[in-house]
Amino acid sequence: EGVVVHDVKVPSNNVEEIMVSFTTVSGDHIPAVRGKPTALPTDQFPSVKTVQLVIAFIRTTDHNSPNHVTISIV
């Protein structure tokens, strides 16, 4: 099973930076991809199938909790 993830976008009112980490079907942990929530460097995404994707909110513009967040995974 598993899926190949091509892009992740996390638009919101105040999220400035996110980190996305992946676990492959074989259990390997791929190095995390870090960047702007709507412009992650997709060339760093794994080309193999993943079974787990974790999105961590690193920084917000106002130092408050993320708000009005939408997650899009392609």
N, C-alpha and C. Protein backbone atom coordinates (compact mmCIF):
# COMPACT_ATOMS: atom_id res chain seq x y z
N GLU A 1 0.83 -1.18 0.00
CA GLU A 1 0.00 0.00 0.00
C GLU A 1 0.88 1.24 0.00
N GLY A 2 0.33 2.34 0.48
CA GLY A 2 1.06 3.60 0.51
C GLY A 2 0.77 4.44 -0.72
N VAL A 3 1.22 5.68 -0.68
CA VAL A 3 1.01 6.61 -1.78
C VAL A 3 2.28 7.43 -2.01
N VAL A 4 2.42 7.93 -3.23
CA VAL A 4 3.50 8.87 -3.53
C VAL A 4 2.91 10.27 -3.37
N VAL A 5 3.50 11.07 -2.51
CA VAL A 5 3.03 12.43 -2.27
C VAL A 5 3.82 13.37 -3.18
N HIS A 6 3.09 14.16 -3.96
CA HIS A 6 3.73 15.07 -4.91
C HIS A 6 3.83 16.50 -4.39
N ASP A 7 2.91 16.89 -3.51
CA ASP A 7 2.91 18.25 -3.00
C ASP A 7 2.06 18.33 -1.74
N VAL A 8 2.39 19.25 -0.87
CA VAL A 8 1.61 19.55 0.33
C VAL A 8 1.52 21.06 0.43
N LYS A 9 0.30 21.56 0.57
CA LYS A 9 0.09 23.00 0.77
C LYS A 9 -0.75 23.18 2.02
N VAL A 10 -0.37 24.15 2.84
CA VAL A 10 -1.06 24.41 4.10
C VAL A 10 -1.32 25.92 4.22
N PRO A 11 -2.24 26.44 3.38
CA PRO A 11 -2.54 27.87 3.50
C PRO A 11 -3.24 28.19 4.82
N SER A 12 -2.93 29.34 5.36
CA SER A 12 -3.58 29.80 6.60
C SER A 12 -3.38 31.30 6.72
N ASN A 13 -3.99 31.86 7.76
CA ASN A 13 -3.84 33.31 7.99
C ASN A 13 -2.50 33.69 8.59
N ASN A 14 -1.85 32.75 9.31
CA ASN A 14 -0.66 33.16 10.05
C ASN A 14 0.50 32.16 10.07
N VAL A 15 0.41 31.06 9.34
CA VAL A 15 1.51 30.09 9.36
C VAL A 15 2.62 30.57 8.42
N GLU A 16 3.82 30.66 8.94
CA GLU A 16 4.97 31.15 8.17
C GLU A 16 5.88 30.02 7.70
N GLU A 17 6.03 28.96 8.51
CA GLU A 17 6.93 27.86 8.16
C GLU A 17 6.39 26.55 8.70
N ILE A 18 6.50 25.49 7.87
CA ILE A 18 6.11 24.15 8.29
C ILE A 18 7.23 23.17 7.98
N MET A 19 7.10 21.98 8.54
CA MET A 19 8.03 20.89 8.26
C MET A 19 7.19 19.65 8.00
N VAL A 20 7.49 18.94 6.93
CA VAL A 20 6.76 17.73 6.57
C VAL A 20 7.75 16.57 6.58
N SER A 21 7.42 15.53 7.33
CA SER A 21 8.28 14.34 7.36
C SER A 21 7.48 13.14 6.86
N PHE A 22 8.19 12.17 6.31
CA PHE A 22 7.59 11.02 5.65
C PHE A 22 8.16 9.72 6.20
N THR A 23 7.33 8.70 6.24
CA THR A 23 7.78 7.34 6.54
C THR A 23 7.38 6.47 5.36
N THR A 24 8.34 5.72 4.82
CA THR A 24 8.08 4.89 3.64
C THR A 24 7.39 3.58 4.03
N VAL A 25 6.94 2.86 3.03
CA VAL A 25 6.30 1.56 3.23
C VAL A 25 7.23 0.62 3.98
N SER A 26 8.53 0.71 3.72
CA SER A 26 9.50 -0.18 4.38
C SER A 26 9.89 0.30 5.78
N GLY A 27 9.32 1.43 6.23
CA GLY A 27 9.60 1.93 7.57
C GLY A 27 10.73 2.93 7.66
N ASP A 28 11.33 3.27 6.52
CA ASP A 28 12.41 4.26 6.52
C ASP A 28 11.84 5.66 6.73
N HIS A 29 12.58 6.48 7.46
CA HIS A 29 12.19 7.87 7.68
C HIS A 29 12.98 8.74 6.70
N ILE A 30 12.25 9.46 5.87
CA ILE A 30 12.86 10.34 4.87
C ILE A 30 13.19 11.67 5.55
N PRO A 31 14.32 12.31 5.22
CA PRO A 31 14.62 13.62 5.82
C PRO A 31 13.46 14.59 5.60
N ALA A 32 13.16 15.35 6.63
CA ALA A 32 12.02 16.27 6.58
C ALA A 32 12.25 17.39 5.56
N VAL A 33 11.14 17.85 5.00
CA VAL A 33 11.14 18.98 4.07
C VAL A 33 10.60 20.17 4.85
N ARG A 34 11.32 21.27 4.79
CA ARG A 34 10.94 22.44 5.58
C ARG A 34 10.84 23.65 4.66
N GLY A 35 9.82 24.49 4.90
CA GLY A 35 9.68 25.68 4.07
C GLY A 35 8.38 26.40 4.28
N LYS A 36 8.06 27.27 3.34
CA LYS A 36 6.82 28.04 3.40
C LYS A 36 5.63 27.11 3.17
N PRO A 37 4.53 27.36 3.86
CA PRO A 37 3.41 26.42 3.81
C PRO A 37 2.73 26.26 2.46
N THR A 38 2.91 27.22 1.55
CA THR A 38 2.30 27.08 0.23
C THR A 38 3.33 26.95 -0.88
N ALA A 39 4.61 26.79 -0.51
CA ALA A 39 5.66 26.69 -1.53
C ALA A 39 6.81 25.81 -1.03
N LEU A 40 6.48 24.59 -0.65
CA LEU A 40 7.53 23.66 -0.21
C LEU A 40 8.37 23.21 -1.41
N PRO A 41 9.65 22.92 -1.20
CA PRO A 41 10.50 22.43 -2.30
C PRO A 41 10.14 20.98 -2.65
N THR A 42 9.24 20.80 -3.59
CA THR A 42 8.73 19.46 -3.92
C THR A 42 9.81 18.55 -4.50
N ASP A 43 10.91 19.11 -4.98
CA ASP A 43 12.00 18.26 -5.48
C ASP A 43 12.65 17.48 -4.34
N GLN A 44 12.36 17.85 -3.10
CA GLN A 44 12.89 17.14 -1.94
C GLN A 44 11.92 16.07 -1.42
N PHE A 45 10.73 15.97 -2.02
CA PHE A 45 9.77 14.96 -1.60
C PHE A 45 10.24 13.59 -2.07
N PRO A 46 9.95 12.54 -1.30
CA PRO A 46 10.38 11.20 -1.72
C PRO A 46 9.61 10.74 -2.96
N SER A 47 10.27 9.98 -3.81
CA SER A 47 9.62 9.45 -5.01
C SER A 47 9.07 8.05 -4.76
N VAL A 48 9.24 7.54 -3.55
CA VAL A 48 8.73 6.22 -3.19
C VAL A 48 7.43 6.37 -2.40
N LYS A 49 6.70 5.27 -2.29
CA LYS A 49 5.43 5.30 -1.56
C LYS A 49 5.65 5.50 -0.07
N THR A 50 4.79 6.32 0.51
CA THR A 50 4.86 6.59 1.94
C THR A 50 3.57 6.13 2.61
N VAL A 51 3.70 5.78 3.88
CA VAL A 51 2.54 5.34 4.65
C VAL A 51 2.20 6.32 5.77
N GLN A 52 3.12 7.25 6.03
CA GLN A 52 2.86 8.24 7.07
C GLN A 52 3.45 9.57 6.66
N LEU A 53 2.68 10.63 6.91
CA LEU A 53 3.09 11.98 6.62
C LEU A 53 2.77 12.81 7.87
N VAL A 54 3.75 13.53 8.38
CA VAL A 54 3.55 14.35 9.58
C VAL A 54 3.85 15.80 9.22
N ILE A 55 2.89 16.67 9.51
CA ILE A 55 3.07 18.10 9.27
C ILE A 55 3.25 18.79 10.62
N ALA A 56 4.37 19.48 10.77
CA ALA A 56 4.64 20.23 12.01
C ALA A 56 4.64 21.72 11.68
N PHE A 57 3.97 22.48 12.50
CA PHE A 57 3.94 23.93 12.35
C PHE A 57 5.13 24.50 13.12
N ILE A 58 6.09 25.08 12.40
CA ILE A 58 7.33 25.55 13.00
C ILE A 58 7.21 26.98 13.51
N ARG A 59 6.59 27.85 12.69
CA ARG A 59 6.54 29.27 13.08
C ARG A 59 5.29 29.92 12.50
N THR A 60 4.71 30.83 13.28
CA THR A 60 3.60 31.65 12.80
C THR A 60 4.06 33.11 12.76
N THR A 61 3.35 33.91 12.00
CA THR A 61 3.73 35.31 11.84
C THR A 61 3.43 36.14 13.08
N ASP A 62 2.49 35.67 13.91
CA ASP A 62 2.09 36.45 15.09
C ASP A 62 2.40 35.74 16.41
N HIS A 63 3.14 34.63 16.34
CA HIS A 63 3.54 33.86 17.53
C HIS A 63 2.35 33.26 18.28
N ASN A 64 1.21 33.14 17.61
CA ASN A 64 0.03 32.49 18.17
C ASN A 64 -0.18 31.15 17.48
N SER A 65 -1.15 30.41 17.93
CA SER A 65 -1.47 29.12 17.31
C SER A 65 -1.89 29.34 15.86
N PRO A 66 -1.63 28.35 15.00
CA PRO A 66 -2.09 28.46 13.61
C PRO A 66 -3.60 28.62 13.57
N ASN A 67 -4.08 29.48 12.64
CA ASN A 67 -5.53 29.62 12.51
C ASN A 67 -5.95 29.66 11.06
N HIS A 68 -7.20 29.26 10.82
CA HIS A 68 -7.78 29.16 9.49
C HIS A 68 -6.89 28.33 8.56
N VAL A 69 -6.53 27.15 9.00
CA VAL A 69 -5.62 26.27 8.27
C VAL A 69 -6.41 25.33 7.36
N THR A 70 -5.94 25.19 6.14
CA THR A 70 -6.46 24.21 5.18
C THR A 70 -5.29 23.36 4.74
N ILE A 71 -5.48 22.05 4.67
CA ILE A 71 -4.40 21.15 4.24
C ILE A 71 -4.77 20.52 2.91
N SER A 72 -3.85 20.60 1.95
CA SER A 72 -4.03 19.99 0.64
C SER A 72 -2.84 19.08 0.37
N ILE A 73 -3.11 17.80 0.16
CA ILE A 73 -2.06 16.82 -0.13
C ILE A 73 -2.33 16.23 -1.50
N VAL A 74 -1.35 16.34 -2.40
CA VAL A 74 -1.51 15.83 -3.76
C VAL A 74 -0.52 14.71 -3.98
